[in-house]
Amino acid sequence: MYLHLGGEKVVKTKDIIGIFDMDTSTVSKNTRDYLNKAEKNGEVVTVSFDLPKSFVVVCPKKQRQKTVYISQISPTTLNKRNLSKNIYL
């Protein structure tokens, strides 16, 4: 199965580690530090330049390198799009 993250970006659902709400999760300093480190390491991909509502951490098993996608789609909507229901907010 695949999940459309917005724009032209689609990822395999089995590679998704987590979907996070940008408003609630970035309150924590640890999350902000994680996102800053990921950006410095070139692991962040911005799906759209609209107001970000979520970020999705993806790690394909064959690559073993994570990617953090910043999406303008809410985590609730992304979860509804996931037909397999194996991703939790």
Protein backbone atom coordinates (compact mmCIF):
# COMPACT_ATOMS: atom_id res chain seq x y z
CA MET A 1 0.00 0.00 0.00
CA TYR A 2 1.01 3.58 -0.58
CA LEU A 3 0.23 6.84 1.20
CA HIS A 4 -0.01 10.18 -0.61
CA LEU A 5 1.69 12.85 1.51
CA GLY A 6 0.73 15.80 -0.67
CA GLY A 7 2.18 17.38 -3.76
CA GLU A 8 3.68 14.61 -5.84
CA LYS A 9 5.05 12.56 -2.94
CA VAL A 10 3.89 9.00 -2.26
CA VAL A 11 5.53 6.57 0.17
CA LYS A 12 5.07 2.90 1.00
CA THR A 13 3.03 2.47 4.17
CA LYS A 14 5.25 -0.35 5.39
CA ASP A 15 8.22 2.07 5.45
CA ILE A 16 6.49 4.66 7.65
CA ILE A 17 7.79 4.87 11.21
CA GLY A 18 5.36 7.54 12.36
CA ILE A 19 3.06 10.41 11.49
CA PHE A 20 3.29 13.39 13.82
CA ASP A 21 1.23 16.54 14.33
CA MET A 22 3.43 19.58 13.85
CA ASP A 23 1.48 21.72 16.37
CA THR A 24 1.48 19.31 19.29
CA SER A 25 4.76 17.47 18.81
CA THR A 26 7.01 20.49 18.27
CA VAL A 27 6.14 21.78 21.74
CA SER A 28 8.79 19.38 23.03
CA LYS A 29 12.40 20.55 22.81
CA ASN A 30 13.46 16.99 21.98
CA THR A 31 11.27 16.95 18.87
CA ARG A 32 12.54 20.35 17.75
CA ASP A 33 16.13 19.15 18.26
CA TYR A 34 15.37 15.99 16.27
CA LEU A 35 13.92 17.99 13.37
CA ASN A 36 16.85 20.44 13.41
CA LYS A 37 19.36 17.58 13.36
CA ALA A 38 17.50 15.84 10.53
CA GLU A 39 17.50 19.07 8.54
CA LYS A 40 21.24 19.58 9.06
CA ASN A 41 21.84 15.98 7.91
CA GLY A 42 19.83 16.57 4.72
CA GLU A 43 17.10 14.13 5.74
CA VAL A 44 14.18 16.59 5.50
CA VAL A 45 12.02 16.86 2.39
CA THR A 46 9.36 19.55 2.20
CA VAL A 47 6.38 18.20 0.26
CA SER A 48 4.67 21.59 -0.11
CA PHE A 49 5.50 25.12 0.87
CA ASP A 50 2.06 25.64 2.40
CA LEU A 51 1.69 25.83 6.18
CA PRO A 52 3.09 22.53 7.55
CA LYS A 53 0.65 20.48 9.60
CA SER A 54 2.50 17.19 9.98
CA PHE A 55 5.77 15.41 9.53
CA VAL A 56 6.18 11.79 8.51
CA VAL A 57 9.28 9.75 9.34
CA VAL A 58 10.01 7.12 6.71
CA CYS A 59 12.78 4.53 6.69
CA PRO A 60 12.83 2.10 3.74
CA LYS A 61 14.23 -1.21 4.88
CA LYS A 62 16.62 -1.52 1.94
CA GLN A 63 18.10 1.97 2.34
CA ARG A 64 18.33 2.11 6.15
CA GLN A 65 18.35 5.89 5.95
CA LYS A 66 15.40 7.79 7.32
CA THR A 67 13.68 10.69 5.60
CA VAL A 68 11.45 13.23 7.31
CA TYR A 69 8.70 14.55 5.06
CA ILE A 70 7.09 17.87 6.02
CA SER A 71 3.48 17.86 4.77
CA GLN A 72 0.66 20.39 4.61
CA ILE A 73 -1.85 17.58 5.22
CA SER A 74 -3.07 16.99 8.77
CA PRO A 75 -2.05 13.75 10.50
CA THR A 76 -5.73 12.84 10.89
CA THR A 77 -6.26 13.05 7.13
CA LEU A 78 -3.08 11.08 6.44
CA ASN A 79 -4.22 8.39 8.84
CA LYS A 80 -7.63 8.21 7.14
CA ARG A 81 -5.89 7.78 3.79
CA ASN A 82 -4.01 4.80 5.13
CA LEU A 83 -6.33 1.94 4.34
CA SER A 84 -4.34 -0.64 6.27
CA LYS A 85 -4.85 1.25 9.57
CA ASN A 86 -1.39 0.29 10.83
CA ILE A 87 -0.19 3.82 11.57
CA TYR A 88 -1.03 5.52 14.83
CA LEU A 89 -0.88 9.19 15.76
